Amino acid sequence: MALRRTRKNNSYNKDKLANKLDTLASNVAKKGVFVVTKSDPGYKVFNIINKKVLLDNIPYLSLAKELTDKVNKTKEPMSFENLNRQIDRYYKHLNDILFYKNTIKNTNDFGKLTSAESRLQESIYAFKDAKEKLILL
């Protein structure tokens, strides 16, 4: 049984360590830490440090996670104008599909019925296209 320490007692420069830790913490605070949270329609990318929303209404969790990984890894700010346009297009056609289905279900006018059916088909194709473009981003 050992009565003394067998390892060397390291003496650290506490002031230098404190300065390094402070600069590291301030660098992380400048950059921001982004996480995915649940939003009313979909998900949002949220900055924990300053409590601001970077992107909102992202329809897929996998897309939101991919974006947070990308934003957390880069050091420079990113532009999301194209992504916002694609998300708006996705939700526009989703709402159009719901509207046309409701119109078809509740109308008695034959002209409105044929018009809604053709517009429904166009919205379905546009919705699928918007969905593919979102997944490819």
Protein backbone atom coordinates (compact mmCIF):
# COMPACT_ATOMS: atom_id res chain seq x y z
CA MET A 1 0.00 0.00 0.00
CA ALA A 2 1.40 3.39 -1.05
CA LEU A 3 1.62 6.11 1.59
CA ARG A 4 2.64 8.89 -0.78
CA ARG A 5 1.43 10.08 -4.13
CA THR A 6 2.95 8.25 -7.02
CA ARG A 7 2.01 10.89 -9.62
CA LYS A 8 3.46 14.35 -10.02
CA ASN A 9 1.22 17.21 -8.80
CA ASN A 10 0.78 19.48 -11.84
CA SER A 11 0.70 23.18 -11.18
CA TYR A 12 -1.33 25.08 -13.76
CA ASN A 13 -1.32 28.77 -14.47
CA LYS A 14 -4.88 29.51 -13.37
CA ASP A 15 -4.98 33.02 -14.86
CA LYS A 16 -3.91 31.76 -18.29
CA LEU A 17 -6.44 28.91 -18.15
CA ALA A 18 -9.21 31.30 -17.12
CA ASN A 19 -8.39 33.64 -20.04
CA LYS A 20 -8.42 30.76 -22.52
CA LEU A 21 -11.76 29.53 -21.23
CA ASP A 22 -13.22 33.05 -21.37
CA THR A 23 -12.12 33.60 -24.99
CA LEU A 24 -13.48 30.19 -25.97
CA ALA A 25 -16.85 30.97 -24.39
CA SER A 26 -17.03 34.40 -26.04
CA ASN A 27 -16.22 32.89 -29.46
CA VAL A 28 -19.04 30.38 -29.08
CA ALA A 29 -21.39 33.14 -27.96
CA LYS A 30 -20.54 35.26 -31.03
CA LYS A 31 -21.17 32.40 -33.41
CA GLY A 32 -24.36 31.11 -31.86
CA VAL A 33 -25.62 27.62 -31.20
CA PHE A 34 -28.54 26.52 -33.35
CA VAL A 35 -31.02 23.77 -32.52
CA VAL A 36 -34.23 22.39 -34.01
CA THR A 37 -37.49 22.98 -32.15
CA LYS A 38 -41.07 22.09 -32.98
CA SER A 39 -43.11 24.84 -34.63
CA ASP A 40 -46.84 25.01 -35.39
CA PRO A 41 -46.54 23.98 -39.05
CA GLY A 42 -43.29 22.00 -39.07
CA TYR A 43 -39.99 22.83 -37.39
CA LYS A 44 -37.83 25.89 -36.80
CA VAL A 45 -34.10 26.49 -36.47
CA PHE A 46 -33.57 28.44 -33.27
CA ASN A 47 -30.51 30.27 -31.89
CA ILE A 48 -30.16 29.36 -28.21
CA ILE A 49 -27.85 32.24 -27.29
CA ASN A 50 -29.87 35.25 -28.46
CA LYS A 51 -33.24 33.44 -28.68
CA LYS A 52 -33.92 34.37 -32.31
CA VAL A 53 -35.49 32.20 -35.00
CA LEU A 54 -33.26 31.68 -38.04
CA LEU A 55 -35.72 29.69 -40.16
CA ASP A 56 -39.34 28.86 -39.46
CA ASN A 57 -41.96 26.46 -40.89
CA ILE A 58 -39.51 23.87 -42.21
CA PRO A 59 -41.73 20.93 -43.21
CA TYR A 60 -39.31 18.03 -42.53
CA LEU A 61 -37.30 17.22 -39.42
CA SER A 62 -34.44 15.74 -41.45
CA LEU A 63 -34.13 18.95 -43.47
CA ALA A 64 -34.13 21.05 -40.29
CA LYS A 65 -31.42 18.88 -38.71
CA GLU A 66 -29.31 19.08 -41.84
CA LEU A 67 -29.60 22.88 -41.84
CA THR A 68 -28.62 23.16 -38.17
CA ASP A 69 -25.57 20.99 -38.78
CA LYS A 70 -24.59 23.18 -41.74
CA VAL A 71 -25.11 26.44 -39.82
CA ASN A 72 -23.28 25.20 -36.71
CA LYS A 73 -20.25 24.13 -38.76
CA THR A 74 -19.81 27.30 -40.83
CA LYS A 75 -18.19 30.40 -39.42
CA GLU A 76 -19.71 32.93 -41.80
CA PRO A 77 -23.41 33.83 -42.01
CA MET A 78 -25.50 32.01 -44.59
CA SER A 79 -28.33 33.28 -46.83
CA PHE A 80 -31.61 31.38 -46.81
CA GLU A 81 -33.66 33.38 -49.34
CA ASN A 82 -33.91 30.51 -51.83
CA LEU A 83 -34.90 28.08 -49.10
CA ASN A 84 -37.57 30.46 -47.78
CA ARG A 85 -39.01 30.75 -51.30
CA GLN A 86 -39.12 26.96 -51.66
CA ILE A 87 -40.81 26.55 -48.26
CA ASP A 88 -43.39 29.22 -49.15
CA ARG A 89 -44.05 27.47 -52.47
CA TYR A 90 -44.44 24.12 -50.67
CA TYR A 91 -47.05 25.47 -48.25
CA LYS A 92 -48.85 27.45 -50.97
CA HIS A 93 -49.49 24.33 -53.03
CA LEU A 94 -50.38 22.32 -49.94
CA ASN A 95 -53.07 24.90 -49.08
CA ASP A 96 -54.25 24.96 -52.70
CA ILE A 97 -54.66 21.17 -52.67
CA LEU A 98 -56.74 21.34 -49.50
CA PHE A 99 -58.87 24.15 -50.94
CA TYR A 100 -59.54 22.36 -54.24
CA LYS A 101 -60.40 19.08 -52.48
CA ASN A 102 -62.89 20.93 -50.30
CA THR A 103 -64.35 22.70 -53.33
CA ILE A 104 -64.78 19.40 -55.18
CA LYS A 105 -66.43 17.83 -52.16
CA ASN A 106 -68.92 20.64 -51.52
CA THR A 107 -69.81 22.12 -54.92
CA ASN A 108 -72.90 21.40 -56.99
CA ASP A 109 -71.87 23.48 -60.00
CA PHE A 110 -70.37 21.40 -62.81
CA GLY A 111 -68.17 24.27 -64.08
CA LYS A 112 -66.60 24.81 -60.68
CA LEU A 113 -66.11 21.07 -60.29
CA THR A 114 -64.18 20.60 -63.56
CA SER A 115 -62.15 23.75 -62.94
CA ALA A 116 -61.25 22.64 -59.40
CA GLU A 117 -60.29 19.15 -60.61
CA SER A 118 -57.89 20.48 -63.24
CA ARG A 119 -56.38 23.00 -60.82
CA LEU A 120 -56.05 20.24 -58.22
CA GLN A 121 -53.97 18.17 -60.64
CA GLU A 122 -51.72 21.15 -61.40
CA SER A 123 -51.26 21.88 -57.70
CA ILE A 124 -50.41 18.24 -56.99
CA TYR A 125 -47.67 18.29 -59.64
CA ALA A 126 -46.32 21.61 -58.38
CA PHE A 127 -46.44 20.34 -54.77
CA LYS A 128 -44.42 17.24 -55.70
CA ASP A 129 -41.89 19.44 -57.51
CA ALA A 130 -41.56 21.77 -54.50
CA LYS A 131 -41.14 18.76 -52.21
CA GLU A 132 -38.35 17.32 -54.37
CA LYS A 133 -36.53 20.66 -54.48
CA LEU A 134 -36.74 20.97 -50.70
CA ILE A 135 -35.29 17.51 -50.21
CA LEU A 136 -32.45 18.21 -52.67
CA LEU A 137 -31.43 21.42 -50.86
